[in-house]
N, C-alpha and C. Protein backbone atom coordinates (compact mmCIF):
# COMPACT_ATOMS: atom_id res chain seq x y z
N MET A 1 0.82 -1.19 0.00
CA MET A 1 0.00 0.00 0.00
C MET A 1 0.87 1.25 0.00
N ARG A 2 1.98 1.21 0.69
CA ARG A 2 2.88 2.36 0.70
C ARG A 2 3.46 2.60 -0.69
N PHE A 3 3.87 1.50 -1.33
CA PHE A 3 4.46 1.63 -2.66
C PHE A 3 3.43 2.14 -3.66
N ARG A 4 2.20 1.68 -3.54
CA ARG A 4 1.14 2.17 -4.44
C ARG A 4 0.92 3.66 -4.23
N PHE A 5 0.94 4.12 -2.97
CA PHE A 5 0.81 5.55 -2.68
C PHE A 5 1.95 6.31 -3.35
N ILE A 6 3.15 5.81 -3.20
CA ILE A 6 4.31 6.47 -3.81
C ILE A 6 4.13 6.54 -5.32
N ASP A 7 3.72 5.44 -5.91
CA ASP A 7 3.54 5.39 -7.36
C ASP A 7 2.48 6.38 -7.83
N ASN A 8 1.40 6.51 -7.07
CA ASN A 8 0.31 7.42 -7.44
C ASN A 8 0.68 8.90 -7.26
N HIS A 9 1.71 9.19 -6.46
CA HIS A 9 2.05 10.58 -6.15
C HIS A 9 3.45 10.99 -6.61
N ARG A 10 4.03 10.22 -7.52
CA ARG A 10 5.38 10.53 -8.01
C ARG A 10 5.48 11.92 -8.63
N GLY A 11 4.43 12.38 -9.26
CA GLY A 11 4.46 13.70 -9.90
C GLY A 11 4.25 14.85 -8.93
N ILE A 12 3.90 14.53 -7.69
CA ILE A 12 3.61 15.57 -6.70
C ILE A 12 4.80 15.79 -5.77
N TRP A 13 5.34 14.71 -5.23
CA TRP A 13 6.46 14.79 -4.29
C TRP A 13 7.63 13.96 -4.80
N PRO A 14 8.84 14.33 -4.42
CA PRO A 14 10.02 13.56 -4.82
C PRO A 14 10.00 12.17 -4.19
N LEU A 15 10.52 11.20 -4.93
CA LEU A 15 10.56 9.82 -4.47
C LEU A 15 11.31 9.69 -3.15
N TYR A 16 12.47 10.31 -3.04
CA TYR A 16 13.27 10.17 -1.82
C TYR A 16 12.52 10.67 -0.59
N LEU A 17 11.74 11.74 -0.75
CA LEU A 17 10.99 12.30 0.37
C LEU A 17 9.88 11.35 0.81
N MET A 18 9.12 10.82 -0.16
CA MET A 18 8.03 9.89 0.20
C MET A 18 8.58 8.62 0.84
N CYS A 19 9.71 8.11 0.32
CA CYS A 19 10.31 6.91 0.90
C CYS A 19 10.74 7.17 2.34
N ARG A 20 11.30 8.33 2.58
CA ARG A 20 11.76 8.67 3.93
C ARG A 20 10.58 8.79 4.89
N VAL A 21 9.55 9.50 4.48
CA VAL A 21 8.38 9.71 5.34
C VAL A 21 7.65 8.39 5.61
N LEU A 22 7.54 7.55 4.57
CA LEU A 22 6.81 6.28 4.72
C LEU A 22 7.69 5.15 5.22
N ARG A 23 8.96 5.45 5.46
CA ARG A 23 9.93 4.50 6.01
C ARG A 23 10.06 3.24 5.15
N VAL A 24 10.26 3.47 3.86
CA VAL A 24 10.55 2.39 2.92
C VAL A 24 11.77 2.80 2.11
N SER A 25 12.39 1.84 1.46
CA SER A 25 13.57 2.15 0.65
C SER A 25 13.17 2.36 -0.81
N ALA A 26 13.94 3.17 -1.49
CA ALA A 26 13.72 3.37 -2.92
C ALA A 26 13.94 2.06 -3.66
N GLN A 27 14.92 1.26 -3.20
CA GLN A 27 15.17 -0.04 -3.82
C GLN A 27 13.95 -0.94 -3.70
N GLY A 28 13.28 -0.91 -2.54
CA GLY A 28 12.06 -1.69 -2.34
C GLY A 28 10.96 -1.24 -3.28
N TYR A 29 10.86 0.07 -3.48
CA TYR A 29 9.86 0.60 -4.41
C TYR A 29 10.13 0.11 -5.82
N TYR A 30 11.38 0.22 -6.27
CA TYR A 30 11.71 -0.21 -7.62
C TYR A 30 11.53 -1.72 -7.79
N ALA A 31 11.80 -2.51 -6.77
CA ALA A 31 11.57 -3.96 -6.82
C ALA A 31 10.07 -4.24 -6.94
N TRP A 32 9.26 -3.48 -6.19
CA TRP A 32 7.81 -3.63 -6.26
C TRP A 32 7.30 -3.32 -7.67
N LYS A 33 7.86 -2.29 -8.30
CA LYS A 33 7.45 -1.91 -9.65
C LYS A 33 7.74 -3.01 -10.67
N GLN A 34 8.79 -3.80 -10.44
CA GLN A 34 9.19 -4.84 -11.38
C GLN A 34 8.37 -6.13 -11.24
N ARG A 35 7.71 -6.32 -10.10
CA ARG A 35 6.94 -7.54 -9.87
C ARG A 35 5.70 -7.58 -10.77
N PRO A 36 5.30 -8.78 -11.21
CA PRO A 36 4.06 -8.88 -11.99
C PRO A 36 2.86 -8.66 -11.07
N GLU A 37 1.75 -8.28 -11.68
CA GLU A 37 0.51 -8.05 -10.93
C GLU A 37 0.07 -9.37 -10.28
N SER A 38 -0.32 -9.29 -9.01
CA SER A 38 -0.77 -10.50 -8.31
C SER A 38 -2.15 -10.92 -8.81
N LYS A 39 -2.49 -12.18 -8.56
CA LYS A 39 -3.81 -12.69 -8.96
C LYS A 39 -4.92 -11.90 -8.28
N ARG A 40 -4.70 -11.57 -6.99
CA ARG A 40 -5.72 -10.82 -6.26
C ARG A 40 -5.91 -9.42 -6.83
N ASP A 41 -4.81 -8.73 -7.14
CA ASP A 41 -4.91 -7.39 -7.72
C ASP A 41 -5.61 -7.44 -9.08
N ARG A 42 -5.29 -8.46 -9.88
CA ARG A 42 -5.92 -8.60 -11.19
C ARG A 42 -7.42 -8.84 -11.02
N ALA A 43 -7.79 -9.73 -10.08
CA ALA A 43 -9.21 -10.02 -9.84
C ALA A 43 -9.93 -8.77 -9.33
N ASN A 44 -9.28 -8.00 -8.46
CA ASN A 44 -9.90 -6.78 -7.94
C ASN A 44 -10.11 -5.76 -9.05
N ARG A 45 -9.12 -5.65 -9.95
CA ARG A 45 -9.24 -4.69 -11.06
C ARG A 45 -10.38 -5.10 -11.99
N GLU A 46 -10.47 -6.40 -12.30
CA GLU A 46 -11.56 -6.88 -13.16
C GLU A 46 -12.91 -6.70 -12.48
N LEU A 47 -12.97 -6.94 -11.18
CA LEU A 47 -14.22 -6.77 -10.44
C LEU A 47 -14.66 -5.31 -10.44
N LEU A 48 -13.71 -4.40 -10.28
CA LEU A 48 -14.04 -2.98 -10.28
C LEU A 48 -14.68 -2.57 -11.60
N VAL A 49 -14.19 -3.10 -12.71
CA VAL A 49 -14.77 -2.79 -14.01
C VAL A 49 -16.23 -3.21 -14.04
N HIS A 50 -16.54 -4.40 -13.54
CA HIS A 50 -17.92 -4.88 -13.53
C HIS A 50 -18.81 -4.03 -12.62
N VAL A 51 -18.30 -3.67 -11.46
CA VAL A 51 -19.08 -2.86 -10.52
C VAL A 51 -19.36 -1.48 -11.11
N LEU A 52 -18.34 -0.85 -11.70
CA LEU A 52 -18.54 0.48 -12.29
C LEU A 52 -19.50 0.42 -13.47
N ASN A 53 -19.41 -0.62 -14.28
CA ASN A 53 -20.35 -0.77 -15.40
C ASN A 53 -21.77 -0.91 -14.90
N ALA A 54 -21.96 -1.71 -13.85
CA ALA A 54 -23.30 -1.89 -13.27
C ALA A 54 -23.82 -0.57 -12.70
N ALA A 55 -22.95 0.18 -12.04
CA ALA A 55 -23.38 1.46 -11.46
C ALA A 55 -23.76 2.45 -12.57
N GLU A 56 -23.00 2.46 -13.66
CA GLU A 56 -23.33 3.35 -14.78
C GLU A 56 -24.66 2.96 -15.42
N GLU A 57 -24.92 1.65 -15.53
CA GLU A 57 -26.19 1.19 -16.09
C GLU A 57 -27.37 1.63 -15.22
N LEU A 58 -27.12 1.75 -13.91
CA LEU A 58 -28.17 2.21 -13.00
C LEU A 58 -28.28 3.73 -12.97
N GLY A 59 -27.41 4.42 -13.70
CA GLY A 59 -27.49 5.88 -13.80
C GLY A 59 -26.66 6.64 -12.79
N PHE A 60 -25.70 5.98 -12.13
CA PHE A 60 -24.86 6.67 -11.16
C PHE A 60 -23.61 7.22 -11.82
N ASP A 61 -23.17 8.37 -11.34
CA ASP A 61 -21.94 8.98 -11.82
C ASP A 61 -20.78 8.27 -11.15
N THR A 62 -19.94 7.59 -11.92
CA THR A 62 -18.85 6.81 -11.36
C THR A 62 -17.50 7.49 -11.55
N ARG A 63 -17.50 8.75 -11.95
CA ARG A 63 -16.23 9.43 -12.23
C ARG A 63 -15.53 9.93 -10.98
N GLY A 64 -16.24 10.15 -9.89
CA GLY A 64 -15.64 10.74 -8.70
C GLY A 64 -15.42 9.73 -7.60
N PRO A 65 -14.68 10.13 -6.58
CA PRO A 65 -14.41 9.24 -5.46
C PRO A 65 -15.61 9.02 -4.55
N GLU A 66 -16.70 9.75 -4.81
CA GLU A 66 -17.84 9.67 -3.91
C GLU A 66 -18.85 8.61 -4.33
N ILE A 67 -18.48 7.71 -5.24
CA ILE A 67 -19.43 6.68 -5.66
C ILE A 67 -19.95 5.90 -4.45
N GLY A 68 -21.23 5.77 -4.36
CA GLY A 68 -21.84 5.03 -3.27
C GLY A 68 -22.03 5.84 -2.01
N VAL A 69 -21.56 7.07 -1.97
CA VAL A 69 -21.68 7.88 -0.76
C VAL A 69 -23.06 8.50 -0.65
N ARG A 70 -23.74 8.65 -1.76
CA ARG A 70 -25.06 9.28 -1.77
C ARG A 70 -26.14 8.36 -1.26
N GLY A 71 -25.91 7.68 -0.18
CA GLY A 71 -26.87 6.72 0.34
C GLY A 71 -26.50 5.33 -0.14
N ASN A 72 -27.22 4.36 0.31
CA ASN A 72 -26.93 2.99 -0.07
C ASN A 72 -27.58 2.71 -1.42
N ILE A 73 -26.79 2.79 -2.49
CA ILE A 73 -27.35 2.61 -3.83
C ILE A 73 -27.76 1.17 -4.09
N TRP A 74 -27.30 0.23 -3.25
CA TRP A 74 -27.60 -1.17 -3.45
C TRP A 74 -28.68 -1.68 -2.50
N SER A 75 -29.39 -0.80 -1.81
CA SER A 75 -30.40 -1.28 -0.87
C SER A 75 -31.51 -2.01 -1.63
N GLY A 76 -31.94 -3.12 -1.10
CA GLY A 76 -32.98 -3.90 -1.74
C GLY A 76 -32.50 -4.80 -2.86
N VAL A 77 -31.20 -4.84 -3.09
CA VAL A 77 -30.64 -5.66 -4.15
C VAL A 77 -29.96 -6.87 -3.53
N GLU A 78 -30.16 -8.04 -4.12
CA GLU A 78 -29.50 -9.24 -3.62
C GLU A 78 -28.01 -9.17 -3.90
N HIS A 79 -27.22 -9.96 -3.18
CA HIS A 79 -25.77 -9.95 -3.35
C HIS A 79 -25.26 -11.38 -3.49
N ILE A 80 -24.17 -11.52 -4.24
CA ILE A 80 -23.44 -12.78 -4.26
C ILE A 80 -22.07 -12.49 -3.66
N HIS A 81 -21.40 -13.52 -3.18
CA HIS A 81 -20.10 -13.35 -2.55
C HIS A 81 -19.03 -13.96 -3.43
N ILE A 82 -18.02 -13.18 -3.75
CA ILE A 82 -16.86 -13.66 -4.50
C ILE A 82 -15.65 -13.31 -3.65
N GLY A 83 -15.07 -14.29 -3.00
CA GLY A 83 -13.96 -14.03 -2.09
C GLY A 83 -14.44 -13.14 -0.96
N ASN A 84 -13.81 -11.98 -0.81
CA ASN A 84 -14.20 -11.01 0.21
C ASN A 84 -15.17 -9.97 -0.34
N HIS A 85 -15.61 -10.14 -1.58
CA HIS A 85 -16.44 -9.14 -2.23
C HIS A 85 -17.91 -9.53 -2.19
N HIS A 86 -18.77 -8.55 -2.08
CA HIS A 86 -20.21 -8.73 -2.13
C HIS A 86 -20.70 -8.02 -3.38
N ILE A 87 -21.20 -8.78 -4.33
CA ILE A 87 -21.58 -8.23 -5.62
C ILE A 87 -23.09 -8.14 -5.73
N PRO A 88 -23.63 -6.94 -6.02
CA PRO A 88 -25.08 -6.82 -6.20
C PRO A 88 -25.51 -7.49 -7.50
N VAL A 89 -26.62 -8.20 -7.46
CA VAL A 89 -27.15 -8.88 -8.64
C VAL A 89 -28.66 -8.70 -8.69
N GLU A 90 -29.23 -9.01 -9.84
CA GLU A 90 -30.67 -8.94 -9.99
C GLU A 90 -31.32 -10.00 -9.09
N PRO A 91 -32.50 -9.74 -8.54
CA PRO A 91 -33.20 -10.74 -7.74
C PRO A 91 -33.42 -12.00 -8.56
N GLY A 92 -33.17 -13.14 -7.95
CA GLY A 92 -33.34 -14.42 -8.62
C GLY A 92 -32.13 -14.88 -9.40
N PHE A 93 -31.03 -14.11 -9.37
CA PHE A 93 -29.82 -14.49 -10.09
C PHE A 93 -29.23 -15.75 -9.49
N GLU A 94 -28.84 -16.70 -10.35
CA GLU A 94 -28.21 -17.94 -9.89
C GLU A 94 -26.82 -18.03 -10.51
N PRO A 95 -25.75 -17.98 -9.72
CA PRO A 95 -24.39 -18.05 -10.29
C PRO A 95 -24.06 -19.42 -10.83
């Protein structure tokens, strides 16, 4: 999570400063950058695409960080469980 923060903010703060504040090494950051994407990260990224598509189909603005903050947009909707994720589905959906 620290390395992801550093990666997302490279254009804002210098690498050496973020590494020092977050108590990580620059070498660790560069090693993290070279690693392939984990199965969990890939699954989370794919899941996010499906969730955002579903939210857009329901008419929600998914461009901002406030998605889902305007009340419980999934109230009254059934859910399925995929790992640690709860996915809203149409009533009567059978996986």
